């Protein structure tokens, strides 16, 4: 990867972190600001954000299932 692509990826990651932070902060103004940041993303960054959200959703499910297995291994 060249330096320009690395910097662009780092900037996109910074924006995604800001979006997650705003969503976690809650409130209508934070939600509107997060939506505005999402609108400014490139199509590739938009796709990456959706994939990251999906990966996070799967990770949460995996953690919950692992905890259930530890508590009641005979049920799963």
N, C-alpha and C. Protein backbone atom coordinates (compact mmCIF):
# COMPACT_ATOMS: atom_id res chain seq x y z
N UNK A 1 0.84 -1.19 0.00
CA UNK A 1 0.00 0.00 0.00
C UNK A 1 0.88 1.24 0.00
N UNK A 2 0.45 2.19 -0.75
CA UNK A 2 1.21 3.43 -0.73
C UNK A 2 0.71 4.32 0.41
N UNK A 3 1.46 5.35 0.70
CA UNK A 3 1.17 6.22 1.83
C UNK A 3 -0.19 6.91 1.71
N UNK A 4 -0.57 7.31 0.52
CA UNK A 4 -1.84 8.00 0.32
C UNK A 4 -3.02 7.09 0.68
N UNK A 5 -2.95 5.84 0.26
CA UNK A 5 -4.03 4.90 0.57
C UNK A 5 -4.09 4.61 2.06
N UNK A 6 -2.93 4.52 2.70
CA UNK A 6 -2.90 4.27 4.14
C UNK A 6 -3.51 5.44 4.90
N UNK A 7 -3.17 6.66 4.50
CA UNK A 7 -3.74 7.84 5.15
C UNK A 7 -5.25 7.93 4.92
N UNK A 8 -5.70 7.60 3.73
CA UNK A 8 -7.14 7.63 3.45
C UNK A 8 -7.87 6.59 4.31
N UNK A 9 -7.28 5.43 4.44
CA UNK A 9 -7.89 4.38 5.27
C UNK A 9 -7.92 4.81 6.74
N UNK A 10 -6.85 5.46 7.20
CA UNK A 10 -6.80 5.94 8.59
C UNK A 10 -7.86 7.01 8.82
N UNK A 11 -8.04 7.91 7.87
CA UNK A 11 -9.08 8.95 8.00
C UNK A 11 -10.47 8.32 8.04
N UNK A 12 -10.70 7.34 7.19
CA UNK A 12 -11.99 6.66 7.18
C UNK A 12 -12.24 5.95 8.51
N UNK A 13 -11.20 5.35 9.08
CA UNK A 13 -11.34 4.69 10.38
C UNK A 13 -11.65 5.71 11.47
N UNK A 14 -11.02 6.87 11.41
CA UNK A 14 -11.30 7.93 12.38
C UNK A 14 -12.76 8.36 12.31
N UNK A 15 -13.29 8.47 11.11
CA UNK A 15 -14.70 8.86 10.94
C UNK A 15 -15.60 7.76 11.49
N UNK A 16 -15.26 6.50 11.22
CA UNK A 16 -16.07 5.40 11.73
C UNK A 16 -16.06 5.36 13.25
N UNK A 17 -14.92 5.63 13.86
CA UNK A 17 -14.84 5.69 15.32
C UNK A 17 -15.72 6.82 15.84
N UNK A 18 -15.71 7.95 15.15
CA UNK A 18 -16.55 9.07 15.55
C UNK A 18 -18.03 8.69 15.44
N UNK A 19 -18.39 7.95 14.40
CA UNK A 19 -19.78 7.51 14.23
C UNK A 19 -20.18 6.59 15.38
N UNK A 20 -19.35 5.60 15.69
CA UNK A 20 -19.66 4.69 16.79
C UNK A 20 -19.77 5.45 18.11
N UNK A 21 -18.87 6.40 18.34
CA UNK A 21 -18.90 7.19 19.57
C UNK A 21 -20.19 7.99 19.68
N UNK A 22 -20.60 8.60 18.58
CA UNK A 22 -21.84 9.38 18.60
C UNK A 22 -23.05 8.48 18.86
N UNK A 23 -23.07 7.31 18.25
CA UNK A 23 -24.18 6.39 18.46
C UNK A 23 -24.22 5.94 19.91
N UNK A 24 -23.07 5.65 20.48
CA UNK A 24 -23.02 5.22 21.88
C UNK A 24 -23.39 6.34 22.83
N UNK A 25 -23.08 7.58 22.47
CA UNK A 25 -23.41 8.71 23.31
C UNK A 25 -24.92 8.88 23.44
N UNK A 26 -25.62 8.53 22.39
CA UNK A 26 -27.08 8.61 22.41
C UNK A 26 -27.57 10.03 22.24
N UNK A 27 -28.86 10.16 22.15
CA UNK A 27 -29.47 11.46 21.97
C UNK A 27 -29.72 11.77 20.51
N UNK A 28 -30.70 12.63 20.30
CA UNK A 28 -31.10 12.97 18.94
C UNK A 28 -30.03 13.74 18.19
N UNK A 29 -29.37 14.69 18.85
CA UNK A 29 -28.35 15.49 18.15
C UNK A 29 -27.15 14.63 17.76
N UNK A 30 -26.77 13.69 18.62
CA UNK A 30 -25.66 12.79 18.29
C UNK A 30 -26.03 11.88 17.13
N UNK A 31 -27.28 11.41 17.11
CA UNK A 31 -27.74 10.56 16.02
C UNK A 31 -27.73 11.31 14.70
N UNK A 32 -28.18 12.56 14.73
CA UNK A 32 -28.18 13.37 13.50
C UNK A 32 -26.76 13.64 13.01
N UNK A 33 -25.85 13.89 13.95
CA UNK A 33 -24.46 14.13 13.56
C UNK A 33 -23.83 12.86 12.98
N UNK A 34 -24.13 11.71 13.58
CA UNK A 34 -23.62 10.44 13.05
C UNK A 34 -24.18 10.20 11.65
N UNK A 35 -25.45 10.50 11.44
CA UNK A 35 -26.06 10.33 10.12
C UNK A 35 -25.38 11.23 9.09
N UNK A 36 -25.05 12.43 9.48
CA UNK A 36 -24.37 13.36 8.57
C UNK A 36 -22.98 12.83 8.20
N UNK A 37 -22.27 12.27 9.17
CA UNK A 37 -20.95 11.68 8.89
C UNK A 37 -21.09 10.48 7.94
N UNK A 38 -22.13 9.69 8.13
CA UNK A 38 -22.35 8.53 7.26
C UNK A 38 -22.60 8.99 5.82
N UNK A 39 -23.38 10.04 5.67
CA UNK A 39 -23.68 10.56 4.33
C UNK A 39 -22.43 11.02 3.59
N UNK A 40 -21.43 11.46 4.34
CA UNK A 40 -20.21 11.97 3.72
C UNK A 40 -19.22 10.86 3.36
N UNK A 41 -19.48 9.62 3.79
CA UNK A 41 -18.57 8.52 3.50
C UNK A 41 -18.59 8.17 2.02
N UNK A 42 -17.47 7.67 1.56
CA UNK A 42 -17.41 7.14 0.19
C UNK A 42 -18.15 5.80 0.16
N UNK A 43 -18.52 5.33 -1.03
CA UNK A 43 -19.20 4.03 -1.10
C UNK A 43 -18.39 2.88 -0.48
N UNK A 44 -17.08 2.93 -0.64
CA UNK A 44 -16.23 1.88 -0.05
C UNK A 44 -16.25 1.97 1.47
N UNK A 45 -16.13 3.19 1.99
CA UNK A 45 -16.16 3.37 3.45
C UNK A 45 -17.53 2.99 4.01
N UNK A 46 -18.57 3.30 3.27
CA UNK A 46 -19.92 2.94 3.68
C UNK A 46 -20.04 1.42 3.80
N UNK A 47 -19.53 0.72 2.80
CA UNK A 47 -19.54 -0.74 2.82
C UNK A 47 -18.73 -1.29 3.99
N UNK A 48 -17.55 -0.69 4.23
CA UNK A 48 -16.72 -1.12 5.34
C UNK A 48 -17.41 -0.91 6.69
N UNK A 49 -18.13 0.20 6.82
CA UNK A 49 -18.87 0.47 8.05
C UNK A 49 -19.96 -0.56 8.27
N UNK A 50 -20.69 -0.88 7.22
CA UNK A 50 -21.74 -1.91 7.32
C UNK A 50 -21.13 -3.26 7.70
N UNK A 51 -20.00 -3.60 7.11
CA UNK A 51 -19.33 -4.87 7.43
C UNK A 51 -18.85 -4.88 8.88
N UNK A 52 -18.33 -3.76 9.36
CA UNK A 52 -17.87 -3.68 10.74
C UNK A 52 -19.04 -3.85 11.71
N UNK A 53 -20.17 -3.24 11.40
CA UNK A 53 -21.36 -3.38 12.25
C UNK A 53 -21.83 -4.82 12.26
N UNK A 54 -21.80 -5.47 11.11
CA UNK A 54 -22.22 -6.86 11.03
C UNK A 54 -21.25 -7.75 11.81
N UNK A 55 -19.95 -7.50 11.69
CA UNK A 55 -18.96 -8.27 12.44
C UNK A 55 -19.16 -8.09 13.94
N UNK A 56 -19.46 -6.86 14.37
CA UNK A 56 -19.72 -6.60 15.78
C UNK A 56 -20.96 -7.35 16.25
N UNK A 57 -21.98 -7.38 15.44
CA UNK A 57 -23.20 -8.11 15.78
C UNK A 57 -22.91 -9.59 15.95
N UNK A 58 -22.14 -10.16 15.03
CA UNK A 58 -21.77 -11.57 15.13
C UNK A 58 -20.92 -11.84 16.37
N UNK A 59 -20.00 -10.94 16.68
CA UNK A 59 -19.14 -11.11 17.84
C UNK A 59 -19.96 -11.12 19.13
N UNK A 60 -20.94 -10.21 19.22
CA UNK A 60 -21.81 -10.18 20.40
C UNK A 60 -22.56 -11.51 20.53
N UNK A 61 -23.09 -12.01 19.43
CA UNK A 61 -23.78 -13.30 19.46
C UNK A 61 -22.84 -14.42 19.89
N UNK A 62 -21.62 -14.43 19.39
CA UNK A 62 -20.65 -15.46 19.76
C UNK A 62 -20.33 -15.42 21.25
N UNK A 63 -20.19 -14.22 21.80
CA UNK A 63 -19.89 -14.09 23.22
C UNK A 63 -21.06 -14.60 24.06
N UNK A 64 -22.27 -14.23 23.69
CA UNK A 64 -23.46 -14.69 24.42
C UNK A 64 -23.57 -16.21 24.37
N UNK A 65 -23.37 -16.80 23.20
CA UNK A 65 -23.45 -18.26 23.09
C UNK A 65 -22.35 -18.94 23.89
N UNK A 66 -21.16 -18.39 23.90
CA UNK A 66 -20.06 -18.97 24.69
C UNK A 66 -20.40 -18.92 26.18
N UNK A 67 -20.97 -17.82 26.64
CA UNK A 67 -21.36 -17.73 28.05
C UNK A 67 -22.45 -18.74 28.39
N UNK A 68 -23.39 -18.93 27.48
CA UNK A 68 -24.45 -19.91 27.72
C UNK A 68 -23.87 -21.32 27.77
N UNK A 69 -22.91 -21.61 26.92
CA UNK A 69 -22.27 -22.93 26.94
C UNK A 69 -21.56 -23.18 28.25
N UNK A 70 -20.92 -22.15 28.79
CA UNK A 70 -20.20 -22.30 30.06
C UNK A 70 -21.16 -22.54 31.22
N UNK A 71 -22.31 -21.87 31.19
CA UNK A 71 -23.28 -22.01 32.28
C UNK A 71 -24.05 -23.31 32.22
N UNK A 72 -24.49 -23.66 31.01
CA UNK A 72 -25.31 -24.86 30.83
C UNK A 72 -24.85 -25.64 29.62
N UNK A 73 -23.76 -26.35 29.73
CA UNK A 73 -23.23 -27.07 28.55
C UNK A 73 -24.16 -28.18 28.06
N UNK A 74 -25.00 -28.71 28.91
CA UNK A 74 -25.89 -29.79 28.51
C UNK A 74 -27.05 -29.31 27.64
N UNK A 75 -27.30 -28.00 27.61
CA UNK A 75 -28.42 -27.47 26.85
C UNK A 75 -28.03 -27.09 25.42
N UNK A 76 -26.76 -26.89 25.15
CA UNK A 76 -26.35 -26.47 23.80
C UNK A 76 -25.56 -27.53 23.10
